Amino acid sequence: MNMIICGEDCRHQKDGYCMLDDLTHANALASSDCRYFEKRK
């Protein structure tokens, strides 16, 4: 796993880092520069 710093309100963000392990599904949301951003519910 890579240590990717993340400060967005994303469901994959935990303690300031991106915890996404599976990079097979990319999102194309205009609200973020991150291709894997999923808004936290």
N, C-alpha and C. Protein backbone atom coordinates (compact mmCIF):
# COMPACT_ATOMS: atom_id res chain seq x y z
N MET A 1 0.84 -1.18 0.00
CA MET A 1 0.00 0.00 0.00
C MET A 1 0.88 1.24 0.00
N ASN A 2 0.50 2.23 -0.80
CA ASN A 2 1.22 3.49 -0.84
C ASN A 2 0.69 4.41 0.24
N MET A 3 1.54 5.29 0.74
CA MET A 3 1.13 6.27 1.74
C MET A 3 0.76 7.56 1.02
N ILE A 4 -0.51 7.70 0.66
CA ILE A 4 -0.99 8.87 -0.07
C ILE A 4 -1.71 9.79 0.91
N ILE A 5 -1.20 11.00 1.06
CA ILE A 5 -1.80 11.97 1.96
C ILE A 5 -3.13 12.44 1.36
N CYS A 6 -4.16 12.49 2.20
CA CYS A 6 -5.49 12.88 1.73
C CYS A 6 -6.20 13.66 2.83
N GLY A 7 -6.72 14.83 2.48
CA GLY A 7 -7.47 15.63 3.44
C GLY A 7 -8.90 15.86 3.01
N GLU A 8 -9.36 15.10 2.01
CA GLU A 8 -10.71 15.29 1.49
C GLU A 8 -11.73 14.50 2.30
N ASP A 9 -13.00 14.90 2.18
CA ASP A 9 -14.09 14.22 2.85
C ASP A 9 -14.50 12.99 2.03
N CYS A 10 -13.60 12.04 1.98
CA CYS A 10 -13.76 10.85 1.14
C CYS A 10 -13.88 9.62 2.03
N ARG A 11 -14.67 8.66 1.58
CA ARG A 11 -14.86 7.45 2.38
C ARG A 11 -13.60 6.61 2.49
N HIS A 12 -12.61 6.84 1.64
CA HIS A 12 -11.35 6.09 1.68
C HIS A 12 -10.31 6.77 2.57
N GLN A 13 -10.57 7.99 3.03
CA GLN A 13 -9.61 8.74 3.84
C GLN A 13 -9.74 8.35 5.31
N LYS A 14 -8.59 8.07 5.93
CA LYS A 14 -8.57 7.76 7.36
C LYS A 14 -7.29 8.31 7.95
N ASP A 15 -7.44 9.12 8.98
CA ASP A 15 -6.30 9.71 9.68
C ASP A 15 -5.36 10.46 8.73
N GLY A 16 -5.93 11.10 7.70
CA GLY A 16 -5.14 11.93 6.79
C GLY A 16 -4.49 11.19 5.63
N TYR A 17 -4.80 9.90 5.48
CA TYR A 17 -4.22 9.11 4.40
C TYR A 17 -5.31 8.38 3.63
N CYS A 18 -5.04 8.13 2.35
CA CYS A 18 -5.96 7.36 1.53
C CYS A 18 -5.75 5.88 1.82
N MET A 19 -6.82 5.19 2.20
CA MET A 19 -6.74 3.79 2.56
C MET A 19 -7.30 2.87 1.48
N LEU A 20 -7.50 3.38 0.27
CA LEU A 20 -8.03 2.59 -0.83
C LEU A 20 -6.99 1.58 -1.30
N ASP A 21 -7.34 0.30 -1.29
CA ASP A 21 -6.42 -0.75 -1.72
C ASP A 21 -6.66 -1.18 -3.15
N ASP A 22 -7.90 -1.07 -3.62
CA ASP A 22 -8.27 -1.57 -4.94
C ASP A 22 -8.43 -0.40 -5.91
N LEU A 23 -7.55 -0.29 -6.88
CA LEU A 23 -7.59 0.83 -7.83
C LEU A 23 -8.26 0.45 -9.14
N THR A 24 -9.19 -0.49 -9.09
CA THR A 24 -9.83 -0.94 -10.32
C THR A 24 -11.02 -0.09 -10.73
N HIS A 25 -11.61 0.67 -9.81
CA HIS A 25 -12.77 1.49 -10.15
C HIS A 25 -12.43 2.97 -9.94
N ALA A 26 -12.43 3.70 -11.00
CA ALA A 26 -12.15 5.14 -10.92
C ALA A 26 -13.46 5.91 -11.08
N ASN A 27 -13.57 6.98 -10.32
CA ASN A 27 -14.72 7.88 -10.43
C ASN A 27 -14.25 9.14 -11.15
N ALA A 28 -15.14 9.81 -11.81
CA ALA A 28 -14.79 11.04 -12.51
C ALA A 28 -15.67 12.18 -12.00
N LEU A 29 -15.55 12.49 -10.72
CA LEU A 29 -16.35 13.55 -10.12
C LEU A 29 -15.66 14.90 -10.30
N ALA A 30 -16.42 15.90 -10.65
CA ALA A 30 -15.87 17.24 -10.84
C ALA A 30 -15.52 17.90 -9.51
N SER A 31 -16.03 17.37 -8.39
CA SER A 31 -15.81 18.00 -7.09
C SER A 31 -14.43 17.70 -6.51
N SER A 32 -13.65 16.86 -7.17
CA SER A 32 -12.34 16.48 -6.66
C SER A 32 -11.38 16.21 -7.80
N ASP A 33 -10.10 16.43 -7.54
CA ASP A 33 -9.06 16.09 -8.50
C ASP A 33 -8.71 14.60 -8.43
N CYS A 34 -9.15 13.94 -7.37
CA CYS A 34 -8.85 12.52 -7.18
C CYS A 34 -9.81 11.66 -8.00
N ARG A 35 -9.27 10.75 -8.78
CA ARG A 35 -10.11 9.87 -9.62
C ARG A 35 -10.85 8.83 -8.80
N TYR A 36 -10.48 8.64 -7.53
CA TYR A 36 -11.08 7.60 -6.69
C TYR A 36 -11.92 8.20 -5.56
N PHE A 37 -12.21 9.50 -5.63
CA PHE A 37 -12.97 10.18 -4.59
C PHE A 37 -14.40 9.67 -4.53
N GLU A 38 -14.84 9.33 -3.32
CA GLU A 38 -16.22 8.97 -3.05
C GLU A 38 -16.63 9.71 -1.79
N LYS A 39 -17.60 10.61 -1.92
CA LYS A 39 -18.04 11.43 -0.79
C LYS A 39 -18.45 10.55 0.38
N ARG A 40 -17.97 10.93 1.57
CA ARG A 40 -18.32 10.21 2.79
C ARG A 40 -19.79 10.43 3.09
N LYS A 41 -20.50 9.36 3.43
CA LYS A 41 -21.94 9.46 3.70
C LYS A 41 -22.22 9.72 5.15
